[in-house]
Amino acid sequence: MKAIWKIILSLAAVVLALFVVTFTVYFFNLDMKLTAAIEPFLLKHYDKIKRDSHL
């Protein structure tokens, strides 16, 4: 019985930690800040790609 409670508490701690992480990302808009930081590298990469402009 004690092992079951230990598993439940561990699972609750993991769920709580994941919630805190995702809430922090949402609250501070970190996903868009990361995207804005990566954008120049992506633009540089995609500008080098040769395109076929025939319709």
PDB file of N, CA and C in Angstrom:
ATOM      1  N   MET A   1       0.828  -1.205   0.000  1.00  0.00           N
ATOM      2  CA  MET A   1       0.000   0.000   0.000  1.00  0.00           C
ATOM      3  C   MET A   1       0.862   1.255   0.000  1.00  0.00           C
ATOM      4  N   LYS A   2       1.979   1.181   0.736  1.00  0.00           N
ATOM      5  CA  LYS A   2       2.869   2.335   0.803  1.00  0.00           C
ATOM      6  C   LYS A   2       3.510   2.623  -0.558  1.00  0.00           C
ATOM      7  N   ALA A   3       3.777   1.579  -1.319  1.00  0.00           N
ATOM      8  CA  ALA A   3       4.388   1.747  -2.639  1.00  0.00           C
ATOM      9  C   ALA A   3       3.423   2.445  -3.597  1.00  0.00           C
ATOM     10  N   ILE A   4       2.137   2.157  -3.469  1.00  0.00           N
ATOM     11  CA  ILE A   4       1.136   2.791  -4.326  1.00  0.00           C
ATOM     12  C   ILE A   4       1.093   4.296  -4.058  1.00  0.00           C
ATOM     13  N   TRP A   5       1.118   4.683  -2.777  1.00  0.00           N
ATOM     14  CA  TRP A   5       1.113   6.106  -2.430  1.00  0.00           C
ATOM     15  C   TRP A   5       2.372   6.795  -2.936  1.00  0.00           C
ATOM     16  N   LYS A   6       3.494   6.100  -2.875  1.00  0.00           N
ATOM     17  CA  LYS A   6       4.748   6.663  -3.366  1.00  0.00           C
ATOM     18  C   LYS A   6       4.672   6.918  -4.876  1.00  0.00           C
ATOM     19  N   ILE A   7       4.067   5.982  -5.599  1.00  0.00           N
ATOM     20  CA  ILE A   7       3.902   6.132  -7.045  1.00  0.00           C
ATOM     21  C   ILE A   7       2.954   7.288  -7.353  1.00  0.00           C
ATOM     22  N   ILE A   8       1.859   7.369  -6.615  1.00  0.00           N
ATOM     23  CA  ILE A   8       0.880   8.433  -6.828  1.00  0.00           C
ATOM     24  C   ILE A   8       1.500   9.803  -6.537  1.00  0.00           C
ATOM     25  N   LEU A   9       2.260   9.908  -5.450  1.00  0.00           N
ATOM     26  CA  LEU A   9       2.902  11.177  -5.123  1.00  0.00           C
ATOM     27  C   LEU A   9       3.962  11.549  -6.159  1.00  0.00           C
ATOM     28  N   SER A  10       4.697  10.574  -6.652  1.00  0.00           N
ATOM     29  CA  SER A  10       5.693  10.837  -7.688  1.00  0.00           C
ATOM     30  C   SER A  10       5.016  11.316  -8.967  1.00  0.00           C
ATOM     31  N   LEU A  11       3.931  10.671  -9.347  1.00  0.00           N
ATOM     32  CA  LEU A  11       3.189  11.057 -10.531  1.00  0.00           C
ATOM     33  C   LEU A  11       2.610  12.464 -10.377  1.00  0.00           C
ATOM     34  N   ALA A  12       2.087  12.775  -9.194  1.00  0.00           N
ATOM     35  CA  ALA A  12       1.543  14.110  -8.940  1.00  0.00           C
ATOM     36  C   ALA A  12       2.644  15.166  -9.011  1.00  0.00           C
ATOM     37  N   ALA A  13       3.829  14.842  -8.504  1.00  0.00           N
ATOM     38  CA  ALA A  13       4.954  15.778  -8.558  1.00  0.00           C
ATOM     39  C   ALA A  13       5.380  16.031  -9.995  1.00  0.00           C
ATOM     40  N   VAL A  14       5.395  14.994 -10.818  1.00  0.00           N
ATOM     41  CA  VAL A  14       5.766  15.143 -12.223  1.00  0.00           C
ATOM     42  C   VAL A  14       4.735  16.001 -12.956  1.00  0.00           C
ATOM     43  N   VAL A  15       3.464  15.731 -12.719  1.00  0.00           N
ATOM     44  CA  VAL A  15       2.394  16.509 -13.360  1.00  0.00           C
ATOM     45  C   VAL A  15       2.469  17.969 -12.917  1.00  0.00           C
ATOM     46  N   LEU A  16       2.690  18.208 -11.658  1.00  0.00           N
ATOM     47  CA  LEU A  16       2.805  19.576 -11.151  1.00  0.00           C
ATOM     48  C   LEU A  16       4.015  20.289 -11.763  1.00  0.00           C
ATOM     49  N   ALA A  17       5.128  19.595 -11.866  1.00  0.00           N
ATOM     50  CA  ALA A  17       6.328  20.193 -12.459  1.00  0.00           C
ATOM     51  C   ALA A  17       6.087  20.535 -13.927  1.00  0.00           C
ATOM     52  N   LEU A  18       5.446  19.651 -14.670  1.00  0.00           N
ATOM     53  CA  LEU A  18       5.138  19.923 -16.072  1.00  0.00           C
ATOM     54  C   LEU A  18       4.186  21.108 -16.208  1.00  0.00           C
ATOM     55  N   PHE A  19       3.215  21.195 -15.314  1.00  0.00           N
ATOM     56  CA  PHE A  19       2.291  22.319 -15.337  1.00  0.00           C
ATOM     57  C   PHE A  19       3.020  23.630 -15.082  1.00  0.00           C
ATOM     58  N   VAL A  20       3.909  23.638 -14.108  1.00  0.00           N
ATOM     59  CA  VAL A  20       4.659  24.861 -13.781  1.00  0.00           C
ATOM     60  C   VAL A  20       5.519  25.280 -14.970  1.00  0.00           C
ATOM     61  N   VAL A  21       6.169  24.327 -15.619  1.00  0.00           N
ATOM     62  CA  VAL A  21       7.009  24.646 -16.776  1.00  0.00           C
ATOM     63  C   VAL A  21       6.169  25.211 -17.920  1.00  0.00           C
ATOM     64  N   THR A  22       5.072  24.547 -18.252  1.00  0.00           N
ATOM     65  CA  THR A  22       4.250  25.016 -19.358  1.00  0.00           C
ATOM     66  C   THR A  22       3.580  26.353 -19.032  1.00  0.00           C
ATOM     67  N   PHE A  23       3.191  26.557 -17.791  1.00  0.00           N
ATOM     68  CA  PHE A  23       2.593  27.835 -17.407  1.00  0.00           C
ATOM     69  C   PHE A  23       3.618  28.959 -17.506  1.00  0.00           C
ATOM     70  N   THR A  24       4.853  28.687 -17.115  1.00  0.00           N
ATOM     71  CA  THR A  24       5.917  29.686 -17.209  1.00  0.00           C
ATOM     72  C   THR A  24       6.181  30.052 -18.666  1.00  0.00           C
ATOM     73  N   VAL A  25       6.228  29.053 -19.529  1.00  0.00           N
ATOM     74  CA  VAL A  25       6.423  29.312 -20.962  1.00  0.00           C
ATOM     75  C   VAL A  25       5.276  30.156 -21.497  1.00  0.00           C
ATOM     76  N   TYR A  26       4.053  29.831 -21.118  1.00  0.00           N
ATOM     77  CA  TYR A  26       2.877  30.583 -21.578  1.00  0.00           C
ATOM     78  C   TYR A  26       2.873  32.010 -21.017  1.00  0.00           C
ATOM     79  N   PHE A  27       3.139  32.161 -19.742  1.00  0.00           N
ATOM     80  CA  PHE A  27       3.038  33.465 -19.081  1.00  0.00           C
ATOM     81  C   PHE A  27       4.055  34.455 -19.634  1.00  0.00           C
ATOM     82  N   PHE A  28       5.284  33.997 -19.870  1.00  0.00           N
ATOM     83  CA  PHE A  28       6.331  34.892 -20.356  1.00  0.00           C
ATOM     84  C   PHE A  28       6.483  34.853 -21.871  1.00  0.00           C
ATOM     85  N   ASN A  29       5.603  34.143 -22.561  1.00  0.00           N
ATOM     86  CA  ASN A  29       5.597  34.070 -24.025  1.00  0.00           C
ATOM     87  C   ASN A  29       6.958  33.592 -24.560  1.00  0.00           C
ATOM     88  N   LEU A  30       7.545  32.614 -23.899  1.00  0.00           N
ATOM     89  CA  LEU A  30       8.893  32.172 -24.232  1.00  0.00           C
ATOM     90  C   LEU A  30       8.965  31.450 -25.572  1.00  0.00           C
ATOM     91  N   ASP A  31       7.876  30.835 -25.996  1.00  0.00           N
ATOM     92  CA  ASP A  31       7.910  30.141 -27.282  1.00  0.00           C
ATOM     93  C   ASP A  31       8.087  31.126 -28.430  1.00  0.00           C
ATOM     94  N   MET A  32       7.423  32.264 -28.377  1.00  0.00           N
ATOM     95  CA  MET A  32       7.569  33.255 -29.446  1.00  0.00           C
ATOM     96  C   MET A  32       8.901  33.988 -29.348  1.00  0.00           C
ATOM     97  N   LYS A  33       9.424  34.149 -28.140  1.00  0.00           N
ATOM     98  CA  LYS A  33      10.738  34.766 -27.995  1.00  0.00           C
ATOM     99  C   LYS A  33      11.819  33.864 -28.585  1.00  0.00           C
ATOM    100  N   LEU A  34      11.682  32.567 -28.379  1.00  0.00           N
ATOM    101  CA  LEU A  34      12.629  31.617 -28.972  1.00  0.00           C
ATOM    102  C   LEU A  34      12.500  31.622 -30.487  1.00  0.00           C
ATOM    103  N   THR A  35      11.279  31.670 -30.984  1.00  0.00           N
ATOM    104  CA  THR A  35      11.057  31.721 -32.430  1.00  0.00           C
ATOM    105  C   THR A  35      11.664  32.990 -33.027  1.00  0.00           C
ATOM    106  N   ALA A  36      11.513  34.118 -32.357  1.00  0.00           N
ATOM    107  CA  ALA A  36      12.094  35.371 -32.839  1.00  0.00           C
ATOM    108  C   ALA A  36      13.618  35.312 -32.836  1.00  0.00           C
ATOM    109  N   ALA A  37      14.204  34.602 -31.895  1.00  0.00           N
ATOM    110  CA  ALA A  37      15.658  34.477 -31.846  1.00  0.00           C
ATOM    111  C   ALA A  37      16.182  33.567 -32.952  1.00  0.00           C
ATOM    112  N   ILE A  38      15.409  32.572 -33.336  1.00  0.00           N
ATOM    113  CA  ILE A  38      15.834  31.609 -34.355  1.00  0.00           C
ATOM    114  C   ILE A  38      15.529  32.110 -35.763  1.00  0.00           C
ATOM    115  N   GLU A  39      14.592  33.038 -35.897  1.00  0.00           N
ATOM    116  CA  GLU A  39      14.134  33.478 -37.210  1.00  0.00           C
ATOM    117  C   GLU A  39      15.249  33.944 -38.162  1.00  0.00           C
ATOM    118  N   PRO A  40      16.222  34.736 -37.716  1.00  0.00           N
ATOM    119  CA  PRO A  40      17.270  35.150 -38.665  1.00  0.00           C
ATOM    120  C   PRO A  40      18.047  33.972 -39.263  1.00  0.00           C
ATOM    121  N   PHE A  41      18.303  32.964 -38.473  1.00  0.00           N
ATOM    122  CA  PHE A  41      19.009  31.781 -38.980  1.00  0.00           C
ATOM    123  C   PHE A  41      18.157  31.020 -39.985  1.00  0.00           C
ATOM    124  N   LEU A  42      16.862  30.931 -39.706  1.00  0.00           N
ATOM    125  CA  LEU A  42      15.966  30.248 -40.633  1.00  0.00           C
ATOM    126  C   LEU A  42      15.827  31.026 -41.940  1.00  0.00           C
ATOM    127  N   LEU A  43      15.706  32.342 -41.856  1.00  0.00           N
ATOM    128  CA  LEU A  43      15.596  33.155 -43.060  1.00  0.00           C
ATOM    129  C   LEU A  43      16.855  33.038 -43.914  1.00  0.00           C
ATOM    130  N   LYS A  44      18.001  33.047 -43.274  1.00  0.00           N
ATOM    131  CA  LYS A  44      19.267  32.905 -43.985  1.00  0.00           C
ATOM    132  C   LYS A  44      19.329  31.567 -44.710  1.00  0.00           C
ATOM    133  N   HIS A  45      18.875  30.520 -44.041  1.00  0.00           N
ATOM    134  CA  HIS A  45      18.867  29.181 -44.639  1.00  0.00           C
ATOM    135  C   HIS A  45      17.904  29.114 -45.827  1.00  0.00           C
ATOM    136  N   TYR A  46      16.685  29.602 -45.647  1.00  0.00           N
ATOM    137  CA  TYR A  46      15.679  29.484 -46.701  1.00  0.00           C
ATOM    138  C   TYR A  46      15.930  30.446 -47.857  1.00  0.00           C
ATOM    139  N   ASP A  47      16.655  31.537 -47.618  1.00  0.00           N
ATOM    140  CA  ASP A  47      17.005  32.435 -48.716  1.00  0.00           C
ATOM    141  C   ASP A  47      18.038  31.809 -49.652  1.00  0.00           C
ATOM    142  N   LYS A  48      18.812  30.850 -49.157  1.00  0.00           N
ATOM    143  CA  LYS A  48      19.833  30.176 -49.978  1.00  0.00           C
ATOM    144  C   LYS A  48      19.238  29.104 -50.885  1.00  0.00           C
ATOM    145  N   ILE A  49      18.031  28.653 -50.598  1.00  0.00           N
ATOM    146  CA  ILE A  49      17.422  27.574 -51.362  1.00  0.00           C
ATOM    147  C   ILE A  49      17.066  28.071 -52.758  1.00  0.00           C
ATOM    148  N   LYS A  50      17.494  27.310 -53.762  1.00  0.00           N
ATOM    149  CA  LYS A  50      17.172  27.656 -55.151  1.00  0.00           C
ATOM    150  C   LYS A  50      15.715  27.286 -55.426  1.00  0.00           C
ATOM    151  N   ARG A  51      14.994  28.225 -56.003  1.00  0.00           N
ATOM    152  CA  ARG A  51      13.563  27.992 -56.253  1.00  0.00           C
ATOM    153  C   ARG A  51      13.291  27.923 -57.738  1.00  0.00           C
ATOM    154  N   ASP A  52      12.328  27.092 -58.064  1.00  0.00           N
ATOM    155  CA  ASP A  52      11.850  26.990 -59.448  1.00  0.00           C
ATOM    156  C   ASP A  52      10.675  27.957 -59.570  1.00  0.00           C
ATOM    157  N   SER A  53      10.836  29.026 -60.329  1.00  0.00           N
ATOM    158  CA  SER A  53       9.795  30.055 -60.394  1.00  0.00           C
ATOM    159  C   SER A  53       8.845  29.873 -61.581  1.00  0.00           C
ATOM    160  N   HIS A  54       8.885  28.710 -62.202  1.00  0.00           N
ATOM    161  CA  HIS A  54       7.976  28.461 -63.319  1.00  0.00           C
ATOM    162  C   HIS A  54       6.575  28.153 -62.779  1.00  0.00           C
ATOM    163  N   LEU A  55       5.596  28.671 -63.475  1.00  0.00           N
ATOM    164  CA  LEU A  55       4.206  28.414 -63.059  1.00  0.00           C
ATOM    165  C   LEU A  55       3.583  27.329 -63.869  1.00  0.00           C
TER     166      LEU A  55
END
